[in-house]
Amino acid sequence: MIKLIRFIFLSTLIVIISEGVMAQATTSGANTITTAVPFLSITPDSRAGGMGDAGVGLTPDVSSQHWNPAKYIFMESDMGVGLSYSPWLRALVDDINLAYLSGYKKIDDVQAISGSLRYFSLGDIMFTSDYGVELGQQSPNEFAVDLAYTRLLSEIFAGSVAARYIRSDLTGGQLINGVETNPGNSFAVDVAFYWYNEYRANRKDNIFSAGINIQNIGSKISYTDGTVKDFIPTTLRLGASYTTELDEYNSFSFSLEVSKLLVPTPPKDTTNYDEGEIILPGGINSDMGVIEGMITSFYDAPGGFKEEMQEIMFGVGVEYWYNKQFAIRGGYFYEHENKGNRKYFTAGAGLKMNVFALDFSYLLPTQRNHPLENTLRFTLSFDVDAFGNQK
């Protein structure tokens, strides 16, 4: 069983590193939070990806399903579809990629439905025995499919609930140390709210928006008979955005987001030198239920309030639009060095036509030789409503 656990850990290590769950530079205070299926936390689209991953309060777009599905009711178009693609960890390997398909449809003026499919391919892996005998090649992959319902609660406020099915196949059913492995499965929900207010001030149009989303509230996941179960990345996102026009052709948007994993912080061992190198456990035991884990995640860090504050991540972004057709974006994302050490700048651009829109983003880490350096994302959007009007 120990070898099995080790194998599963190594199989997902490349993904965990990519999202910074393991610190780039180990420090004495490092105590990172690890979860299963970390691909759910990867930014899938180019717009928010170019604005420091600050998307929960951003103005609506076709990729809002990941950030906050409650935005869709405020879309100008009644129906849209988007496809995003990102070659992942190209600094390390060349066969890992993330694809994301999203779409929405307004039922009427107060209701909308939306959905998405996220597929993460980890490339090809050759399994071998303890003696180096090849057991066969597998193609590990993970995917999540979800459906959301959004309702307008007032003229400027909306709420949404999303249901999600998650499947993670890391071993292809291989026997590891004589133990049968299986794909991991989980069900989760998101609960989101969004506030969107258009107003005019100083003879200029302005938009202030804000959002909150608790993502991936769901069952733990297991790759064996259920003896060992891991939390999925339940996350709290809070954010706001402000958009203002400079004149008829130029406008700026500013976005801010804070987020935190709502899973238990791992207990951290401390050494008591006065008692002859006795190892004393610190923190709260993380072997607990999902809801209990969400509650205790606000106060269970071994380092107390100081460490809890280190678990908060920040993203800021800015977006410039010319004539509502061409966009330039930039941003910055920060995560404490003891909790993953992701620190990077982002940049992006977008081109919007009557029916189609094309966006891309680029990620530039502040550390050298970072596994995420040179990460590109591409998003193609299709306005189904505008296409129908043209016909």
Foldseek 3Di string as FASTA:
>chain_A
DVQVVVVVCVLCVVVCLQVQQDFPDDDPLAFADDFPPCVLVDDFFFPCQQFQVFQQWDADDQPCPSRFVQNVLVDPFQKKKKKKKWQALPLVDGAWIKIKIKMKGAPDNFKIKIKMKIKIKPAKDFDADPVRHTPDIDTWIKMKIKMKMKGHPDPFKIKMKMKMKIWTGRDVQDQGPNFTWAIKIKIFMKIKMKGWDWDDDPNWIKIKMWMKMFPGLIFWIDGGPPPDTTHHFGKIKIKMKMKIAPDQFKIKMKMKMKMAGQFAGDWDWDFDVVVPRDIDTFWDHRPDGRVVSSVCLQAGDRVGPVVSVLRMKMKIKMWMGGNNFKIKMKIWIAHHSSHRGWTWIKIKMKGDDQFKIKIKMAIDTPDPPRSGHGIMMIMMMGRPRSVVVVD
